[in-house]
Amino acid sequence: MPPCAVRVLRLGLRPFPQALRVQERCVAAARAGAAESVVLSEPAGPVYAWGLRGAPGAAAAAGLRARGAALVAARRGGHVTFHGPGQLVAFPVLDLRRRRLPLRRYVGALQELSLRLCRRLGLGAARALPPPFTGVWVGDSKVCAIGVHCGHHITSHGLALNCCTDLSWFEHIVPCGLEGKGVTSLSRELGRHVPVEHVLGPFLDSFQEVFDCTLVFAEDPGD
């Protein structure tokens, strides 16, 4: 069977809620039988987002807003985390039933994709930790967070990779609800500035390998 085609939507620097809306349109299209997609963006402003657990209380939320950040509830697993400029956010919209891929193996595939990407960029120290931890780590610091949702066998949300992110935004939360763990970025670990646009090519190469697909570049759908 030939590799399936996956549409690539590169949104560039875009407000996080707009990227979520593009993702939701891709999910609706996939449920109607359209091709799979992956939505790539760099959040245009600081956002704290949380999944099915870990919503901040009223006082904490007010404090985060006072720092100039938006707050967004996302329909995914996981606790509160930060999204902002300098971060690659990838939302794969894939049909797990057609791929015969259990959800746990899909999360493992996202980790493998992220590890291959880090190695392509020269970050050989990147690794996955044993369950229940997800994402990609350098020591005790997370460089790539993973949080997914799957409804009617179609995936949404995905991963957030810190490229040249201002890591001070993470100081105001317990990232992903993990006490005693830190966050890091490609720029910090590699000792050089690594912008999101320099990561897109290696990301797509790794995506194509891990998910055995061909990539079709789609027009920016707007908001």
N, C-alpha and C. Protein backbone atom coordinates (compact mmCIF):
# COMPACT_ATOMS: atom_id res chain seq x y z
N MET A 1 0.85 -1.19 0.00
CA MET A 1 0.00 0.00 0.00
C MET A 1 0.89 1.25 0.00
N PRO A 2 0.65 2.19 -0.94
CA PRO A 2 1.48 3.39 -0.98
C PRO A 2 1.24 4.27 0.24
N PRO A 3 2.24 5.09 0.62
CA PRO A 3 2.05 5.99 1.77
C PRO A 3 0.87 6.92 1.55
N CYS A 4 0.14 7.20 2.63
CA CYS A 4 -0.99 8.11 2.51
C CYS A 4 -0.49 9.55 2.47
N ALA A 5 -1.31 10.44 1.96
CA ALA A 5 -0.95 11.85 1.86
C ALA A 5 -1.48 12.60 3.08
N VAL A 6 -0.66 13.48 3.62
CA VAL A 6 -1.04 14.33 4.74
C VAL A 6 -0.86 15.79 4.31
N ARG A 7 -1.91 16.58 4.46
CA ARG A 7 -1.83 18.00 4.13
C ARG A 7 -1.05 18.74 5.21
N VAL A 8 -0.17 19.64 4.81
CA VAL A 8 0.59 20.46 5.73
C VAL A 8 0.09 21.90 5.64
N LEU A 9 -0.40 22.41 6.75
CA LEU A 9 -0.86 23.80 6.82
C LEU A 9 0.11 24.58 7.69
N ARG A 10 0.92 25.43 7.09
CA ARG A 10 1.90 26.23 7.81
C ARG A 10 1.32 27.62 8.05
N LEU A 11 0.92 27.87 9.28
CA LEU A 11 0.24 29.13 9.61
C LEU A 11 1.21 30.25 9.95
N GLY A 12 2.45 29.92 10.25
CA GLY A 12 3.40 30.94 10.67
C GLY A 12 3.05 31.50 12.03
N LEU A 13 3.42 32.76 12.25
CA LEU A 13 3.14 33.43 13.51
C LEU A 13 1.65 33.76 13.55
N ARG A 14 0.92 33.14 14.47
CA ARG A 14 -0.55 33.23 14.49
C ARG A 14 -1.04 33.14 15.93
N PRO A 15 -2.04 33.94 16.32
CA PRO A 15 -2.61 33.78 17.67
C PRO A 15 -3.04 32.34 17.92
N PHE A 16 -2.75 31.85 19.10
CA PHE A 16 -3.03 30.45 19.43
C PHE A 16 -4.50 30.07 19.21
N PRO A 17 -5.47 30.91 19.62
CA PRO A 17 -6.86 30.53 19.37
C PRO A 17 -7.19 30.37 17.89
N GLN A 18 -6.54 31.15 17.02
CA GLN A 18 -6.78 30.98 15.59
C GLN A 18 -6.27 29.63 15.11
N ALA A 19 -5.10 29.22 15.59
CA ALA A 19 -4.57 27.91 15.21
C ALA A 19 -5.51 26.80 15.68
N LEU A 20 -6.09 26.96 16.87
CA LEU A 20 -7.06 25.97 17.35
C LEU A 20 -8.26 25.88 16.43
N ARG A 21 -8.73 27.03 15.94
CA ARG A 21 -9.91 27.01 15.04
C ARG A 21 -9.58 26.34 13.71
N VAL A 22 -8.37 26.58 13.18
CA VAL A 22 -7.96 25.89 11.95
C VAL A 22 -7.92 24.38 12.19
N GLN A 23 -7.37 23.99 13.34
CA GLN A 23 -7.33 22.57 13.69
C GLN A 23 -8.74 21.97 13.71
N GLU A 24 -9.68 22.67 14.34
CA GLU A 24 -11.03 22.12 14.45
C GLU A 24 -11.68 21.94 13.08
N ARG A 25 -11.39 22.85 12.14
CA ARG A 25 -11.92 22.67 10.79
C ARG A 25 -11.30 21.44 10.13
N CYS A 26 -10.02 21.21 10.38
CA CYS A 26 -9.36 20.01 9.83
C CYS A 26 -9.95 18.74 10.44
N VAL A 27 -10.26 18.77 11.74
CA VAL A 27 -10.87 17.62 12.39
C VAL A 27 -12.24 17.32 11.77
N ALA A 28 -13.05 18.36 11.58
CA ALA A 28 -14.37 18.16 10.98
C ALA A 28 -14.24 17.60 9.57
N ALA A 29 -13.26 18.09 8.81
CA ALA A 29 -13.07 17.59 7.45
C ALA A 29 -12.62 16.12 7.47
N ALA A 30 -11.73 15.78 8.40
CA ALA A 30 -11.25 14.40 8.48
C ALA A 30 -12.39 13.44 8.85
N ARG A 31 -13.26 13.88 9.74
CA ARG A 31 -14.39 13.03 10.11
C ARG A 31 -15.34 12.83 8.94
N ALA A 32 -15.33 13.79 8.01
CA ALA A 32 -16.18 13.68 6.82
C ALA A 32 -15.49 12.92 5.69
N GLY A 33 -14.27 12.44 5.95
CA GLY A 33 -13.58 11.62 4.96
C GLY A 33 -12.48 12.31 4.20
N ALA A 34 -12.15 13.57 4.55
CA ALA A 34 -11.10 14.29 3.86
C ALA A 34 -9.73 13.76 4.29
N ALA A 35 -8.69 14.25 3.63
CA ALA A 35 -7.33 13.81 3.92
C ALA A 35 -6.90 14.22 5.33
N GLU A 36 -5.92 13.51 5.85
CA GLU A 36 -5.33 13.87 7.13
C GLU A 36 -4.54 15.17 6.98
N SER A 37 -4.26 15.81 8.12
CA SER A 37 -3.57 17.10 8.11
C SER A 37 -2.61 17.19 9.26
N VAL A 38 -1.68 18.15 9.15
CA VAL A 38 -0.90 18.59 10.30
C VAL A 38 -0.83 20.11 10.23
N VAL A 39 -1.25 20.76 11.31
CA VAL A 39 -1.30 22.22 11.39
C VAL A 39 -0.09 22.69 12.19
N LEU A 40 0.73 23.54 11.59
CA LEU A 40 1.95 24.04 12.23
C LEU A 40 1.83 25.53 12.45
N SER A 41 2.18 25.99 13.65
CA SER A 41 2.10 27.42 13.93
C SER A 41 3.11 27.79 15.01
N GLU A 42 3.34 29.09 15.12
CA GLU A 42 4.11 29.68 16.20
C GLU A 42 3.20 30.69 16.88
N PRO A 43 2.85 30.50 18.14
CA PRO A 43 1.92 31.42 18.81
C PRO A 43 2.44 32.86 18.77
N ALA A 44 1.56 33.78 18.41
CA ALA A 44 1.96 35.17 18.24
C ALA A 44 2.06 35.93 19.56
N GLY A 45 1.46 35.39 20.62
CA GLY A 45 1.50 36.05 21.92
C GLY A 45 1.49 35.03 23.02
N PRO A 46 1.76 35.45 24.26
CA PRO A 46 1.80 34.51 25.38
C PRO A 46 0.42 33.99 25.76
N VAL A 47 0.32 32.69 25.94
CA VAL A 47 -0.94 32.02 26.28
C VAL A 47 -0.66 30.93 27.29
N TYR A 48 -1.50 30.85 28.31
CA TYR A 48 -1.50 29.69 29.20
C TYR A 48 -2.72 28.85 28.84
N ALA A 49 -2.48 27.58 28.55
CA ALA A 49 -3.56 26.67 28.15
C ALA A 49 -3.55 25.46 29.06
N TRP A 50 -4.72 24.93 29.32
CA TRP A 50 -4.82 23.73 30.15
C TRP A 50 -5.77 22.75 29.49
N GLY A 51 -5.60 21.47 29.86
CA GLY A 51 -6.41 20.42 29.28
C GLY A 51 -7.57 20.05 30.18
N LEU A 52 -7.80 18.74 30.27
CA LEU A 52 -8.96 18.25 31.02
C LEU A 52 -8.76 18.37 32.53
N ARG A 53 -7.54 18.62 32.95
CA ARG A 53 -7.24 18.78 34.37
C ARG A 53 -6.41 20.05 34.56
N GLY A 54 -6.40 20.56 35.80
CA GLY A 54 -5.43 21.58 36.13
C GLY A 54 -5.78 23.00 35.74
N ALA A 55 -7.06 23.32 35.58
CA ALA A 55 -7.42 24.71 35.29
C ALA A 55 -7.02 25.59 36.48
N PRO A 56 -6.44 26.76 36.23
CA PRO A 56 -6.04 27.62 37.34
C PRO A 56 -7.25 28.17 38.08
N GLY A 57 -7.10 28.38 39.38
CA GLY A 57 -8.16 29.02 40.15
C GLY A 57 -8.31 30.48 39.78
N ALA A 58 -9.32 31.11 40.33
CA ALA A 58 -9.63 32.50 39.96
C ALA A 58 -8.47 33.44 40.25
N ALA A 59 -7.86 33.31 41.43
CA ALA A 59 -6.76 34.21 41.79
C ALA A 59 -5.55 33.97 40.89
N ALA A 60 -5.23 32.69 40.65
CA ALA A 60 -4.09 32.38 39.79
C ALA A 60 -4.33 32.87 38.37
N ALA A 61 -5.57 32.70 37.88
CA ALA A 61 -5.89 33.16 36.53
C ALA A 61 -5.75 34.67 36.42
N ALA A 62 -6.21 35.39 37.44
CA ALA A 62 -6.08 36.85 37.42
C ALA A 62 -4.62 37.26 37.40
N GLY A 63 -3.77 36.54 38.15
CA GLY A 63 -2.36 36.85 38.16
C GLY A 63 -1.70 36.62 36.82
N LEU A 64 -2.08 35.56 36.12
CA LEU A 64 -1.52 35.27 34.80
C LEU A 64 -1.96 36.32 33.79
N ARG A 65 -3.23 36.70 33.85
CA ARG A 65 -3.71 37.75 32.94
C ARG A 65 -2.99 39.07 33.20
N ALA A 66 -2.70 39.36 34.47
CA ALA A 66 -2.03 40.61 34.81
C ALA A 66 -0.63 40.67 34.21
N ARG A 67 -0.05 39.54 33.90
CA ARG A 67 1.27 39.50 33.28
C ARG A 67 1.18 39.67 31.76
N GLY A 68 -0.02 39.80 31.23
CA GLY A 68 -0.19 40.04 29.81
C GLY A 68 -0.46 38.80 28.98
N ALA A 69 -0.78 37.71 29.64
CA ALA A 69 -1.02 36.47 28.92
C ALA A 69 -2.51 36.21 28.77
N ALA A 70 -2.87 35.54 27.67
CA ALA A 70 -4.24 35.06 27.49
C ALA A 70 -4.38 33.69 28.14
N LEU A 71 -5.61 33.31 28.45
CA LEU A 71 -5.90 31.99 29.03
C LEU A 71 -6.85 31.25 28.10
N VAL A 72 -6.54 29.99 27.83
CA VAL A 72 -7.32 29.20 26.89
C VAL A 72 -7.51 27.79 27.45
N ALA A 73 -8.75 27.31 27.47
CA ALA A 73 -9.04 25.91 27.79
C ALA A 73 -8.96 25.11 26.50
N ALA A 74 -8.14 24.06 26.51
CA ALA A 74 -7.94 23.23 25.32
C ALA A 74 -8.47 21.84 25.58
N ARG A 75 -9.10 21.26 24.60
CA ARG A 75 -9.69 19.93 24.77
C ARG A 75 -8.64 18.86 24.49
N ARG A 76 -7.79 18.65 25.49
CA ARG A 76 -6.71 17.68 25.38
C ARG A 76 -6.40 17.14 26.77
N GLY A 77 -5.55 16.15 26.83
CA GLY A 77 -5.07 15.69 28.11
C GLY A 77 -4.04 16.65 28.67
N GLY A 78 -3.80 16.56 29.97
CA GLY A 78 -2.71 17.33 30.55
C GLY A 78 -3.15 18.53 31.35
N HIS A 79 -2.19 19.07 32.12
CA HIS A 79 -2.41 20.23 32.98
C HIS A 79 -2.04 21.51 32.22
N VAL A 80 -1.93 22.59 32.98
CA VAL A 80 -1.65 23.89 32.38
C VAL A 80 -0.21 23.94 31.86
N THR A 81 -0.03 24.59 30.72
CA THR A 81 1.29 24.83 30.16
C THR A 81 1.28 26.17 29.44
N PHE A 82 2.43 26.53 28.92
CA PHE A 82 2.58 27.83 28.26
C PHE A 82 2.81 27.64 26.77
N HIS A 83 2.21 28.52 25.97
CA HIS A 83 2.49 28.60 24.54
C HIS A 83 2.82 30.06 24.20
N GLY A 84 3.81 30.25 23.34
CA GLY A 84 4.16 31.61 23.00
C GLY A 84 5.16 31.69 21.87
N PRO A 85 5.59 32.90 21.53
CA PRO A 85 6.57 33.08 20.46
C PRO A 85 7.83 32.26 20.73
N GLY A 86 8.41 31.77 19.64
CA GLY A 86 9.60 30.94 19.76
C GLY A 86 9.30 29.48 19.99
N GLN A 87 8.04 29.10 19.89
CA GLN A 87 7.63 27.71 20.12
C GLN A 87 6.94 27.17 18.87
N LEU A 88 7.33 25.97 18.47
CA LEU A 88 6.64 25.28 17.37
C LEU A 88 5.50 24.46 17.95
N VAL A 89 4.28 24.77 17.52
CA VAL A 89 3.09 24.02 17.94
C VAL A 89 2.60 23.22 16.74
N ALA A 90 2.48 21.92 16.91
CA ALA A 90 2.06 21.03 15.83
C ALA A 90 0.81 20.28 16.25
N PHE A 91 -0.22 20.35 15.40
CA PHE A 91 -1.48 19.66 15.63
C PHE A 91 -1.68 18.63 14.52
N PRO A 92 -1.24 17.38 14.69
CA PRO A 92 -1.55 16.37 13.68
C PRO A 92 -3.03 15.95 13.78
N VAL A 93 -3.69 15.91 12.66
CA VAL A 93 -5.08 15.46 12.58
C VAL A 93 -5.06 14.17 11.75
N LEU A 94 -4.97 13.05 12.47
CA LEU A 94 -4.77 11.75 11.83
C LEU A 94 -5.90 10.79 12.18
N ASP A 95 -6.14 9.85 11.29
CA ASP A 95 -7.18 8.84 11.48
C ASP A 95 -6.53 7.57 12.04
N LEU A 96 -6.63 7.38 13.35
CA LEU A 96 -5.97 6.25 13.98
C LEU A 96 -6.60 4.91 13.61
N ARG A 97 -7.88 4.91 13.32
CA ARG A 97 -8.51 3.65 12.90
C ARG A 97 -7.97 3.21 11.54
N ARG A 98 -7.89 4.13 10.62
CA ARG A 98 -7.36 3.79 9.30
C ARG A 98 -5.90 3.35 9.39
N ARG A 99 -5.18 3.96 10.32
CA ARG A 99 -3.77 3.62 10.50
C ARG A 99 -3.57 2.39 11.39
N ARG A 100 -4.66 1.90 12.01
CA ARG A 100 -4.58 0.76 12.93
C ARG A 100 -3.55 1.04 14.03
N LEU A 101 -3.65 2.24 14.58
CA LEU A 101 -2.67 2.71 15.55
C LEU A 101 -3.37 3.01 16.87
N PRO A 102 -3.12 2.23 17.93
CA PRO A 102 -3.71 2.53 19.24
C PRO A 102 -3.21 3.88 19.76
N LEU A 103 -4.02 4.50 20.61
CA LEU A 103 -3.70 5.84 21.08
C LEU A 103 -2.35 5.87 21.79
N ARG A 104 -2.06 4.88 22.62
CA ARG A 104 -0.78 4.89 23.34
C ARG A 104 0.39 4.82 22.38
N ARG A 105 0.27 4.02 21.34
CA ARG A 105 1.35 3.95 20.34
C ARG A 105 1.44 5.26 19.56
N TYR A 106 0.33 5.94 19.37
CA TYR A 106 0.37 7.24 18.70
C TYR A 106 1.17 8.25 19.52
N VAL A 107 0.93 8.29 20.83
CA VAL A 107 1.70 9.18 21.69
C VAL A 107 3.18 8.82 21.61
N GLY A 108 3.48 7.52 21.60
CA GLY A 108 4.86 7.09 21.44
C GLY A 108 5.45 7.53 20.11
N ALA A 109 4.64 7.55 19.06
CA ALA A 109 5.11 8.00 17.75
C ALA A 109 5.44 9.49 17.77
N LEU A 110 4.63 10.28 18.48
CA LEU A 110 4.93 11.71 18.62
C LEU A 110 6.25 11.91 19.36
N GLN A 111 6.49 11.11 20.38
CA GLN A 111 7.77 11.19 21.10
C GLN A 111 8.92 10.82 20.17
N GLU A 112 8.76 9.75 19.40
CA GLU A 112 9.81 9.33 18.48
C GLU A 112 10.08 10.42 17.43
N LEU A 113 9.02 11.02 16.92
CA LEU A 113 9.16 12.13 15.97
C LEU A 113 9.98 13.25 16.58
N SER A 114 9.67 13.62 17.82
CA SER A 114 10.36 14.72 18.49
C SER A 114 11.82 14.37 18.77
N LEU A 115 12.08 13.12 19.15
CA LEU A 115 13.46 12.69 19.37
C LEU A 115 14.27 12.73 18.09
N ARG A 116 13.69 12.27 16.99
CA ARG A 116 14.40 12.32 15.71
C ARG A 116 14.69 13.76 15.32
N LEU A 117 13.73 14.64 15.55
CA LEU A 117 13.92 16.05 15.23
C LEU A 117 15.09 16.62 16.04
N CYS A 118 15.10 16.35 17.35
CA CYS A 118 16.18 16.86 18.20
C CYS A 118 17.54 16.35 17.73
N ARG A 119 17.60 15.07 17.37
CA ARG A 119 18.87 14.51 16.90
C ARG A 119 19.30 15.14 15.58
N ARG A 120 18.34 15.41 14.71
CA ARG A 120 18.67 16.08 13.45
C ARG A 120 19.31 17.44 13.70
N LEU A 121 18.89 18.09 14.77
CA LEU A 121 19.38 19.43 15.09
C LEU A 121 20.64 19.39 15.94
N GLY A 122 21.09 18.20 16.30
CA GLY A 122 22.32 18.06 17.06
C GLY A 122 22.15 17.91 18.55
N LEU A 123 20.92 17.72 19.01
CA LEU A 123 20.66 17.57 20.44
C LEU A 123 20.57 16.08 20.77
N GLY A 124 21.73 15.44 20.88
CA GLY A 124 21.77 14.01 21.12
C GLY A 124 21.37 13.62 22.53
N ALA A 125 21.36 14.58 23.46
CA ALA A 125 21.00 14.28 24.85
C ALA A 125 19.50 14.17 25.08
N ALA A 126 18.70 14.50 24.08
CA ALA A 126 17.25 14.41 24.22
C ALA A 126 16.82 12.96 24.43
N ARG A 127 15.83 12.75 25.29
CA ARG A 127 15.38 11.39 25.58
C ARG A 127 13.94 11.41 26.04
N ALA A 128 13.32 10.25 25.99
CA ALA A 128 11.99 10.06 26.57
C ALA A 128 12.17 9.42 27.94
N LEU A 129 11.30 9.79 28.88
CA LEU A 129 11.31 9.19 30.21
C LEU A 129 10.28 8.07 30.28
N PRO A 130 10.45 7.14 31.22
CA PRO A 130 9.46 6.06 31.36
C PRO A 130 8.09 6.63 31.76
N PRO A 131 7.00 5.90 31.45
CA PRO A 131 5.67 6.32 31.90
C PRO A 131 5.67 6.49 33.42
N PRO A 132 4.89 7.46 33.92
CA PRO A 132 3.81 8.17 33.24
C PRO A 132 4.24 9.44 32.52
N PHE A 133 5.55 9.71 32.43
CA PHE A 133 6.00 10.94 31.79
C PHE A 133 5.86 10.84 30.28
N THR A 134 5.50 11.95 29.66
CA THR A 134 5.45 12.04 28.20
C THR A 134 6.34 13.20 27.78
N GLY A 135 6.48 13.36 26.48
CA GLY A 135 7.30 14.45 25.97
C GLY A 135 8.75 14.05 25.80
N VAL A 136 9.58 15.05 25.53
CA VAL A 136 11.00 14.84 25.32
C VAL A 136 11.76 15.70 26.32
N TRP A 137 12.81 15.12 26.90
CA TRP A 137 13.51 15.72 28.03
C TRP A 137 15.00 15.80 27.76
N VAL A 138 15.62 16.80 28.40
CA VAL A 138 17.08 16.87 28.50
C VAL A 138 17.36 16.94 30.00
N GLY A 139 17.87 15.85 30.57
CA GLY A 139 17.97 15.77 32.02
C GLY A 139 16.58 15.77 32.63
N ASP A 140 16.37 16.67 33.60
CA ASP A 140 15.05 16.80 34.23
C ASP A 140 14.25 17.96 33.67
N SER A 141 14.61 18.44 32.50
CA SER A 141 13.92 19.58 31.90
C SER A 141 13.27 19.15 30.58
N LYS A 142 12.02 19.56 30.42
CA LYS A 142 11.26 19.17 29.22
C LYS A 142 11.49 20.20 28.11
N VAL A 143 11.83 19.69 26.93
CA VAL A 143 12.01 20.56 25.77
C VAL A 143 10.80 20.49 24.84
N CYS A 144 10.05 19.40 24.91
CA CYS A 144 8.89 19.22 24.04
C CYS A 144 7.76 18.59 24.84
N ALA A 145 6.62 19.28 24.90
CA ALA A 145 5.45 18.78 25.62
C ALA A 145 4.48 18.12 24.64
N ILE A 146 3.81 17.07 25.10
CA ILE A 146 2.84 16.35 24.28
C ILE A 146 1.52 16.28 25.03
N GLY A 147 0.45 16.65 24.37
CA GLY A 147 -0.90 16.52 24.91
C GLY A 147 -1.87 16.33 23.77
N VAL A 148 -2.63 15.25 23.77
CA VAL A 148 -3.45 14.90 22.62
C VAL A 148 -4.89 14.68 23.02
N HIS A 149 -5.74 14.71 22.01
CA HIS A 149 -7.14 14.32 22.14
C HIS A 149 -7.47 13.43 20.96
N CYS A 150 -8.35 12.46 21.18
CA CYS A 150 -8.80 11.61 20.09
C CYS A 150 -10.30 11.39 20.24
N GLY A 151 -11.05 11.81 19.25
CA GLY A 151 -12.49 11.63 19.24
C GLY A 151 -12.95 11.04 17.93
N HIS A 152 -13.73 9.96 17.99
CA HIS A 152 -14.17 9.26 16.77
C HIS A 152 -12.97 8.88 15.92
N HIS A 153 -11.89 8.45 16.59
CA HIS A 153 -10.64 7.94 16.02
C HIS A 153 -9.84 9.00 15.26
N ILE A 154 -10.20 10.29 15.38
CA ILE A 154 -9.45 11.38 14.75
C ILE A 154 -8.69 12.15 15.83
N THR A 155 -7.39 12.34 15.63
CA THR A 155 -6.58 13.02 16.64
C THR A 155 -6.65 14.54 16.49
N SER A 156 -6.34 15.21 17.59
CA SER A 156 -6.16 16.67 17.58
C SER A 156 -5.17 17.03 18.67
N HIS A 157 -4.81 18.33 18.70
CA HIS A 157 -3.72 18.81 19.55
C HIS A 157 -2.46 18.03 19.19
N GLY A 158 -1.47 17.95 20.06
CA GLY A 158 -0.26 17.27 19.64
C GLY A 158 0.94 17.62 20.47
N LEU A 159 1.83 18.50 19.95
CA LEU A 159 3.07 18.78 20.66
C LEU A 159 3.44 20.25 20.56
N ALA A 160 4.25 20.68 21.53
CA ALA A 160 4.79 22.04 21.56
C ALA A 160 6.27 21.93 21.86
N LEU A 161 7.09 22.38 20.93
CA LEU A 161 8.54 22.28 21.04
C LEU A 161 9.12 23.67 21.30
N ASN A 162 9.85 23.81 22.40
CA ASN A 162 10.48 25.09 22.72
C ASN A 162 11.73 25.26 21.87
N CYS A 163 11.66 26.19 20.94
CA CYS A 163 12.80 26.47 20.06
C CYS A 163 13.65 27.60 20.64
N CYS A 164 13.09 28.81 20.65
CA CYS A 164 13.77 29.96 21.25
C CYS A 164 12.81 30.68 22.18
N THR A 165 12.00 29.92 22.87
CA THR A 165 10.95 30.44 23.75
C THR A 165 11.55 31.19 24.93
N ASP A 166 10.88 32.26 25.37
CA ASP A 166 11.23 32.94 26.61
C ASP A 166 10.76 32.05 27.76
N LEU A 167 11.68 31.33 28.37
CA LEU A 167 11.33 30.32 29.37
C LEU A 167 10.86 30.93 30.68
N SER A 168 11.03 32.23 30.87
CA SER A 168 10.58 32.85 32.12
C SER A 168 9.06 32.77 32.29
N TRP A 169 8.32 32.60 31.20
CA TRP A 169 6.86 32.47 31.30
C TRP A 169 6.46 31.21 32.06
N PHE A 170 7.30 30.19 32.04
CA PHE A 170 6.99 28.95 32.74
C PHE A 170 7.15 29.08 34.25
N GLU A 171 7.82 30.13 34.71
CA GLU A 171 8.09 30.29 36.14
C GLU A 171 6.82 30.58 36.95
N HIS A 172 5.74 30.95 36.27
CA HIS A 172 4.52 31.36 36.96
C HIS A 172 3.51 30.22 37.09
N ILE A 173 3.87 29.03 36.62
CA ILE A 173 2.99 27.86 36.69
C ILE A 173 3.83 26.64 37.09
N VAL A 174 3.15 25.53 37.35
CA VAL A 174 3.82 24.23 37.45
C VAL A 174 3.59 23.55 36.10
N PRO A 175 4.55 23.64 35.18
CA PRO A 175 4.30 23.17 33.81
C PRO A 175 3.85 21.72 33.76
N CYS A 176 2.71 21.51 33.11
CA CYS A 176 2.13 20.17 32.93
C CYS A 176 1.85 19.48 34.26
N GLY A 177 1.80 20.26 35.36
CA GLY A 177 1.49 19.70 36.67
C GLY A 177 2.61 18.88 37.27
N LEU A 178 3.85 19.03 36.79
CA LEU A 178 4.96 18.20 37.24
C LEU A 178 5.84 18.98 38.21
N GLU A 179 5.67 18.70 39.49
CA GLU A 179 6.49 19.33 40.52
C GLU A 179 7.94 18.83 40.40
N GLY A 180 8.88 19.74 40.59
CA GLY A 180 10.28 19.35 40.62
C GLY A 180 10.94 19.15 39.27
N LYS A 181 10.21 19.40 38.19
CA LYS A 181 10.76 19.28 36.84
C LYS A 181 10.88 20.67 36.22
N GLY A 182 11.81 20.81 35.30
CA GLY A 182 12.03 22.10 34.66
C GLY A 182 11.65 22.09 33.19
N VAL A 183 11.91 23.20 32.53
CA VAL A 183 11.71 23.32 31.08
C VAL A 183 12.98 23.87 30.47
N THR A 184 13.18 23.57 29.21
CA THR A 184 14.34 24.07 28.50
C THR A 184 13.95 24.30 27.04
N SER A 185 14.90 24.71 26.24
CA SER A 185 14.63 24.99 24.83
C SER A 185 15.79 24.49 23.99
N LEU A 186 15.55 24.37 22.70
CA LEU A 186 16.63 24.01 21.79
C LEU A 186 17.75 25.04 21.84
N SER A 187 17.38 26.32 21.88
CA SER A 187 18.39 27.38 21.91
C SER A 187 19.28 27.26 23.15
N ARG A 188 18.67 27.01 24.30
CA ARG A 188 19.47 26.90 25.53
C ARG A 188 20.39 25.68 25.45
N GLU A 189 19.88 24.56 25.01
CA GLU A 189 20.67 23.33 25.02
C GLU A 189 21.75 23.31 23.95
N LEU A 190 21.49 23.93 22.82
CA LEU A 190 22.45 23.92 21.72
C LEU A 190 23.40 25.11 21.76
N GLY A 191 23.11 26.09 22.61
CA GLY A 191 23.99 27.24 22.74
C GLY A 191 23.98 28.16 21.55
N ARG A 192 22.87 28.17 20.83
CA ARG A 192 22.73 29.07 19.69
C ARG A 192 21.26 29.38 19.48
N HIS A 193 20.97 30.47 18.79
CA HIS A 193 19.58 30.85 18.53
C HIS A 193 18.97 29.89 17.50
N VAL A 194 17.86 29.26 17.88
CA VAL A 194 17.19 28.30 17.00
C VAL A 194 15.75 28.78 16.79
N PRO A 195 15.49 29.57 15.74
CA PRO A 195 14.12 30.04 15.50
C PRO A 195 13.23 28.94 14.96
N VAL A 196 11.93 29.15 15.09
CA VAL A 196 10.96 28.14 14.66
C VAL A 196 11.12 27.82 13.18
N GLU A 197 11.37 28.83 12.36
CA GLU A 197 11.43 28.57 10.92
C GLU A 197 12.59 27.64 10.55
N HIS A 198 13.63 27.57 11.37
CA HIS A 198 14.75 26.67 11.09
C HIS A 198 14.43 25.23 11.48
N VAL A 199 13.35 25.03 12.21
CA VAL A 199 12.99 23.70 12.71
C VAL A 199 11.95 23.03 11.82
N LEU A 200 11.24 23.81 11.01
CA LEU A 200 10.13 23.26 10.24
C LEU A 200 10.56 22.16 9.28
N GLY A 201 11.65 22.36 8.55
CA GLY A 201 12.10 21.34 7.61
C GLY A 201 12.47 20.03 8.29
N PRO A 202 13.34 20.06 9.31
CA PRO A 202 13.65 18.82 10.03
C PRO A 202 12.42 18.19 10.68
N PHE A 203 11.48 19.03 11.16
CA PHE A 203 10.25 18.47 11.73
C PHE A 203 9.49 17.68 10.69
N LEU A 204 9.32 18.24 9.51
CA LEU A 204 8.53 17.57 8.48
C LEU A 204 9.23 16.30 7.98
N ASP A 205 10.56 16.34 7.90
CA ASP A 205 11.29 15.12 7.52
C ASP A 205 11.03 14.01 8.55
N SER A 206 11.09 14.36 9.83
CA SER A 206 10.86 13.37 10.89
C SER A 206 9.42 12.89 10.88
N PHE A 207 8.47 13.80 10.66
CA PHE A 207 7.05 13.45 10.60
C PHE A 207 6.81 12.43 9.48
N GLN A 208 7.39 12.71 8.33
CA GLN A 208 7.19 11.84 7.17
C GLN A 208 7.74 10.44 7.44
N GLU A 209 8.87 10.35 8.11
CA GLU A 209 9.46 9.05 8.43
C GLU A 209 8.60 8.28 9.42
N VAL A 210 8.22 8.94 10.51
CA VAL A 210 7.53 8.24 11.59
C VAL A 210 6.13 7.81 11.17
N PHE A 211 5.43 8.66 10.41
CA PHE A 211 4.04 8.35 10.06
C PHE A 211 3.89 7.80 8.64
N ASP A 212 5.02 7.52 7.97
CA ASP A 212 5.01 6.84 6.68
C ASP A 212 4.00 7.48 5.72
N CYS A 213 4.26 8.73 5.39
CA CYS A 213 3.30 9.47 4.56
C CYS A 213 4.04 10.34 3.57
N THR A 214 3.30 10.82 2.59
CA THR A 214 3.78 11.88 1.72
C THR A 214 3.12 13.18 2.17
N LEU A 215 3.79 14.29 1.95
CA LEU A 215 3.31 15.58 2.41
C LEU A 215 2.82 16.42 1.23
N VAL A 216 1.67 17.02 1.41
CA VAL A 216 1.07 17.89 0.41
C VAL A 216 0.88 19.25 1.07
N PHE A 217 1.50 20.28 0.53
CA PHE A 217 1.46 21.59 1.16
C PHE A 217 0.21 22.34 0.69
N ALA A 218 -0.62 22.69 1.67
CA ALA A 218 -1.90 23.31 1.40
C ALA A 218 -1.82 24.82 1.58
N GLU A 219 -2.78 25.53 0.99
CA GLU A 219 -2.86 26.96 1.15
C GLU A 219 -3.27 27.30 2.58
N ASP A 220 -2.80 28.44 3.05
CA ASP A 220 -3.21 28.96 4.35
C ASP A 220 -4.72 29.19 4.31
N PRO A 221 -5.50 28.51 5.20
CA PRO A 221 -6.95 28.64 5.14
C PRO A 221 -7.50 29.89 5.76
N GLY A 222 -6.62 30.77 6.31
CA GLY A 222 -7.12 31.95 7.03
C GLY A 222 -7.69 31.55 8.35
N ASP A 223 -8.48 32.46 8.95
CA ASP A 223 -9.04 32.19 10.29
C ASP A 223 -10.42 31.59 10.12
